[in-house]
Protein backbone atom coordinates (compact mmCIF):
# COMPACT_ATOMS: atom_id res chain seq x y z
CA MET A 1 -15.15 25.22 -8.10
CA LYS A 2 -18.86 24.61 -6.82
CA LYS A 3 -21.45 26.62 -8.60
CA GLY A 4 -24.87 25.96 -7.50
CA ASN A 5 -25.23 22.25 -7.67
CA ARG A 6 -22.68 21.89 -10.32
CA GLU A 7 -18.97 21.58 -9.96
CA ILE A 8 -16.56 22.89 -12.57
CA VAL A 9 -13.48 20.78 -12.55
CA VAL A 10 -10.49 22.36 -14.37
CA ILE A 11 -8.25 19.71 -16.25
CA GLY A 12 -4.75 19.42 -17.28
CA ASP A 13 -2.57 22.78 -17.07
CA ARG A 14 -5.52 25.03 -17.72
CA VAL A 15 -6.89 27.84 -15.35
CA LEU A 16 -10.49 29.23 -14.74
CA ILE A 17 -10.55 33.12 -14.76
CA VAL A 18 -13.27 35.33 -14.05
CA PRO A 19 -12.63 38.11 -16.73
CA ASP A 20 -12.42 41.69 -15.97
CA LEU A 21 -15.73 43.29 -17.88
CA GLY A 22 -16.86 46.62 -18.47
CA GLU A 23 -15.13 49.68 -19.12
CA GLU A 24 -11.36 50.16 -19.06
CA ARG A 25 -9.43 53.34 -18.96
CA SER A 26 -7.07 53.92 -21.91
CA ASN A 27 -3.22 55.21 -21.52
CA VAL A 28 -4.48 58.77 -21.78
CA GLY A 29 -7.31 58.63 -19.45
CA LEU A 30 -10.39 57.64 -21.55
CA TYR A 31 -12.85 55.26 -20.73
CA LEU A 32 -13.30 52.22 -23.36
CA PRO A 33 -16.68 50.51 -23.87
CA LYS A 34 -16.29 46.66 -23.74
CA TRP A 35 -16.76 46.24 -27.31
CA ALA A 36 -13.67 48.49 -28.14
CA LEU A 37 -11.66 46.05 -26.12
CA GLU A 38 -12.54 43.11 -27.98
CA LYS A 39 -9.96 43.79 -30.50
CA GLU A 40 -7.14 43.63 -28.17
CA SER A 41 -4.74 40.78 -28.13
CA ILE A 42 -4.51 40.52 -24.47
CA GLN A 43 -6.95 40.25 -21.34
CA ALA A 44 -6.78 39.93 -17.74
CA GLY A 45 -8.81 38.57 -14.74
CA THR A 46 -8.80 36.61 -11.42
CA ILE A 47 -8.02 33.13 -11.24
CA VAL A 48 -10.84 31.10 -9.57
CA GLU A 49 -9.45 27.53 -10.11
CA ILE A 50 -6.46 25.64 -11.41
CA GLY A 51 -6.13 22.22 -13.08
CA PRO A 52 -3.58 19.49 -11.52
CA GLY A 53 -0.90 20.35 -14.12
CA VAL A 54 0.51 18.02 -17.29
CA PRO A 55 1.17 14.42 -16.02
CA MET A 56 5.03 13.91 -16.41
CA ALA A 57 6.83 10.64 -16.13
CA PRO A 58 9.36 10.87 -13.20
CA PRO A 59 12.84 11.09 -14.35
CA THR A 60 15.13 8.17 -14.59
CA ASP A 61 18.51 7.55 -13.13
CA ILE A 62 21.15 6.38 -15.54
CA ASP A 63 22.71 4.57 -12.51
CA GLU A 64 19.82 2.48 -11.69
CA GLU A 65 19.97 -1.40 -12.17
CA SER A 66 17.75 -2.44 -14.91
CA TRP A 67 16.25 -5.19 -13.03
CA ARG A 68 14.71 -3.11 -10.11
CA PRO A 69 11.40 -1.91 -10.38
CA LYS A 70 10.64 1.55 -11.47
CA ASN A 71 8.12 3.95 -10.65
CA THR A 72 6.63 4.94 -14.02
CA THR A 73 3.32 6.81 -12.51
CA PRO A 74 2.96 10.20 -14.18
CA GLN A 75 2.93 13.08 -11.59
CA PRO A 76 1.19 16.46 -12.32
CA ALA A 77 4.04 19.15 -13.07
CA ALA A 78 3.30 22.04 -10.62
CA GLN A 79 1.38 24.95 -11.64
CA GLN A 80 2.65 28.43 -11.39
CA ALA A 81 -0.59 29.88 -10.74
CA LYS A 82 -2.61 29.90 -7.77
CA VAL A 83 -6.30 30.75 -6.95
CA GLY A 84 -6.88 34.37 -6.14
CA ASP A 85 -3.92 35.52 -8.62
CA TYR A 86 -4.52 38.43 -11.01
CA ALA A 87 -3.70 37.09 -14.65
CA VAL A 88 -2.79 38.86 -17.72
CA PHE A 89 -3.30 36.18 -20.64
CA LEU A 90 -3.35 35.93 -24.61
CA ARG A 91 -6.80 36.24 -25.33
CA LYS A 92 -6.92 34.21 -28.62
CA ALA A 93 -6.05 31.13 -26.28
CA ALA A 94 -9.10 31.81 -24.15
CA VAL A 95 -12.28 29.64 -24.33
CA GLU A 96 -15.23 31.46 -23.01
CA VAL A 97 -17.76 29.36 -20.83
CA LYS A 98 -21.23 30.65 -19.43
CA LEU A 99 -22.62 28.82 -16.29
CA ASP A 100 -25.61 30.08 -14.67
CA GLY A 101 -25.36 33.65 -16.04
CA ASP A 102 -21.54 33.98 -14.80
CA THR A 103 -18.77 34.40 -17.66
CA PHE A 104 -15.77 32.34 -17.42
CA LEU A 105 -12.40 31.83 -19.44
CA ILE A 106 -10.65 28.71 -19.54
CA VAL A 107 -6.87 29.51 -20.24
CA PRO A 108 -3.86 26.91 -20.78
CA GLN A 109 -0.74 27.77 -18.76
CA ALA A 110 1.21 28.73 -21.77
CA ALA A 111 -1.03 31.58 -22.48
CA LEU A 112 -0.46 33.23 -19.04
CA LEU A 113 1.77 36.19 -19.64
CA VAL A 114 2.37 37.48 -16.00
CA LEU A 115 0.46 36.88 -12.56
CA ILE A 116 0.03 39.34 -9.80
CA ARG A 117 -0.03 37.85 -6.45
CA GLU A 118 -0.58 39.59 -2.97
CA ARG A 119 2.04 38.94 -0.72
CA SER A 120 1.26 37.29 2.74
């Protein structure tokens, strides 16, 4: 993701999220200020960038001849998350990063609880 003259490169199985900020409505309709939400264990936001995934070695076939050359180049495992998804994730696993006045959260794939995606 390009931001001014810089580029944010997400690595591994992580995603870059723009968190929901500001006041939120509680279950009974009360608006809660941001400071009251800081104690919550989950958070949500929009995914703006995803990493390539975790490198995994290709599976080997038991019936292959041992003398044949093998492809041992690791390939990244596919990410379930996509740019534009709305993600609910574990807050304690997120790392906050500020760049040019904007706040982003770096979250590993394992901390994502649910993805909400628009149907096309």
